[in-house]
Protein backbone atom coordinates (compact mmCIF):
# COMPACT_ATOMS: atom_id res chain seq x y z
CA MET A 1 -5.27 0.10 -22.77
CA THR A 2 -6.69 2.53 -25.33
CA PRO A 3 -5.73 6.23 -25.24
CA GLN A 4 -9.28 7.04 -24.09
CA GLN A 5 -9.03 4.56 -21.20
CA ARG A 6 -5.59 5.88 -20.25
CA ALA A 7 -6.88 9.49 -20.35
CA ARG A 8 -9.85 8.52 -18.16
CA ASN A 9 -7.47 6.90 -15.68
CA LEU A 10 -5.27 10.01 -15.65
CA ARG A 11 -8.32 12.25 -15.08
CA GLN A 12 -9.22 10.15 -12.04
CA ASN A 13 -5.68 10.36 -10.66
CA LEU A 14 -4.57 13.96 -11.06
CA THR A 15 -1.43 15.12 -9.28
CA ASP A 16 -1.82 17.86 -6.66
CA ALA A 17 -0.46 20.42 -9.13
CA GLU A 18 -2.79 19.28 -11.92
CA ARG A 19 -5.75 19.40 -9.54
CA ALA A 20 -4.81 22.92 -8.39
CA LEU A 21 -4.51 24.18 -11.98
CA TRP A 22 -7.71 22.42 -13.05
CA ASN A 23 -9.60 24.25 -10.31
CA LEU A 24 -8.45 27.53 -11.89
CA LEU A 25 -9.16 26.53 -15.52
CA ARG A 26 -12.41 24.54 -15.31
CA ASP A 27 -15.86 25.88 -16.09
CA ARG A 28 -14.51 28.68 -18.30
CA ARG A 29 -13.06 30.41 -15.23
CA LEU A 30 -10.12 31.85 -17.15
CA SER A 31 -11.16 34.49 -19.68
CA ASP A 32 -14.16 32.36 -20.68
CA HIS A 33 -11.88 29.81 -22.39
CA LYS A 34 -13.00 26.18 -22.24
CA PHE A 35 -10.26 23.81 -21.16
CA ARG A 36 -10.35 20.04 -21.11
CA ARG A 37 -8.04 17.86 -19.02
CA GLN A 38 -6.11 14.70 -19.86
CA VAL A 39 -7.10 14.66 -23.53
CA PRO A 40 -5.75 12.36 -26.25
CA ILE A 41 -4.39 14.32 -29.22
CA GLY A 42 -2.89 12.04 -31.81
CA ARG A 43 -0.86 9.44 -29.97
CA TYR A 44 -0.25 11.72 -26.99
CA ILE A 45 -2.29 12.65 -23.95
CA VAL A 46 -1.98 16.28 -22.93
CA ASP A 47 -2.66 17.57 -19.42
CA PHE A 48 -4.88 20.50 -20.48
CA VAL A 49 -6.03 21.85 -23.83
CA CYS A 50 -8.06 24.80 -25.02
CA TYR A 51 -9.07 23.80 -28.55
CA ARG A 52 -10.41 27.25 -29.43
CA SER A 53 -6.98 28.82 -28.90
CA LYS A 54 -5.01 25.64 -29.73
CA LEU A 55 -3.17 25.97 -26.42
CA VAL A 56 -1.78 22.95 -24.57
CA ILE A 57 -0.65 23.24 -20.96
CA GLU A 58 1.61 20.62 -19.45
CA VAL A 59 2.34 20.31 -15.73
CA ASP A 60 5.58 18.41 -15.25
CA GLY A 61 7.00 16.64 -12.23
CA GLY A 62 10.45 15.24 -11.65
CA GLN A 63 9.82 12.27 -13.99
CA HIS A 64 10.18 14.62 -16.98
CA GLN A 65 13.84 15.36 -16.22
CA GLY A 66 14.83 12.01 -17.69
CA GLN A 67 12.66 12.14 -20.79
CA ALA A 68 13.68 15.34 -22.56
CA GLN A 69 13.97 13.61 -25.94
CA TYR A 70 10.42 12.23 -25.70
CA ASP A 71 9.05 15.60 -24.55
CA ASP A 72 10.85 17.39 -27.42
CA ALA A 73 9.39 14.99 -30.01
CA ARG A 74 5.95 15.36 -28.48
CA THR A 75 6.20 19.15 -28.46
CA SER A 76 7.40 19.19 -32.08
CA TRP A 77 4.49 17.05 -33.22
CA LEU A 78 1.91 19.11 -31.32
CA GLU A 79 3.39 22.33 -32.74
CA SER A 80 3.22 20.85 -36.24
CA GLU A 81 -0.51 20.40 -35.60
CA GLY A 82 -0.82 24.11 -34.77
CA PHE A 83 -0.76 23.94 -30.97
CA THR A 84 1.24 26.19 -28.66
CA ILE A 85 2.62 24.36 -25.63
CA LEU A 86 3.21 25.87 -22.21
CA ARG A 87 5.12 23.81 -19.64
CA PHE A 88 5.15 24.42 -15.92
CA TRP A 89 6.84 22.52 -13.13
CA ASN A 90 4.57 21.17 -10.39
CA ASN A 91 6.22 23.47 -7.87
CA ASP A 92 5.49 26.55 -10.01
CA VAL A 93 1.79 25.69 -10.11
CA LEU A 94 1.62 25.02 -6.38
CA VAL A 95 3.69 28.01 -5.22
CA ASN A 96 3.13 30.68 -7.88
CA ARG A 97 -0.41 30.22 -9.21
CA ALA A 98 -0.82 33.93 -9.98
CA GLY A 99 2.33 33.92 -12.12
CA VAL A 100 1.27 30.76 -13.93
CA LEU A 101 -2.18 32.22 -14.66
CA GLU A 102 -0.57 35.42 -15.94
CA ILE A 103 1.51 33.44 -18.44
CA ILE A 104 -1.50 31.38 -19.55
CA THR A 105 -3.68 34.50 -19.92
CA SER A 106 -0.97 36.20 -21.98
CA ALA A 107 -0.71 33.16 -24.26
CA LEU A 108 -4.50 33.08 -24.71
CA GLU A 109 -4.51 36.76 -25.65
CA GLN A 110 -1.78 36.19 -28.24
CA ARG A 111 -3.61 33.25 -29.86
CA PRO A 112 -6.40 34.52 -32.10
CA SER A 113 -9.64 32.61 -31.76
CA PRO A 114 -10.87 31.16 -35.04
CA SER A 115 -13.93 32.84 -36.50
CA PRO A 116 -17.18 30.87 -36.07
């Protein structure tokens, strides 16, 4: 399966937390920043990305507890490409959406947008 096919499959099968966050990020709803979901970047697929601000948002479930080494390597590579990565647990997104949005908004404000 190609990364594009895998990303398409992931977009069609969002977790409840991913779906909840997508409803808050889509259509430039957050500070007029365009986010995309389940996007291949290099050999990885990220949950959400705002290319303009080079911000990646990951929503993690329990499966990530056993793959810290993989997640660290992935984060290091994405950071080497100039991305900032925010990670939230599923429960945080579902229970504390306002707090999650506050963190994302703060990160967007700290990331200068490139000039056109």
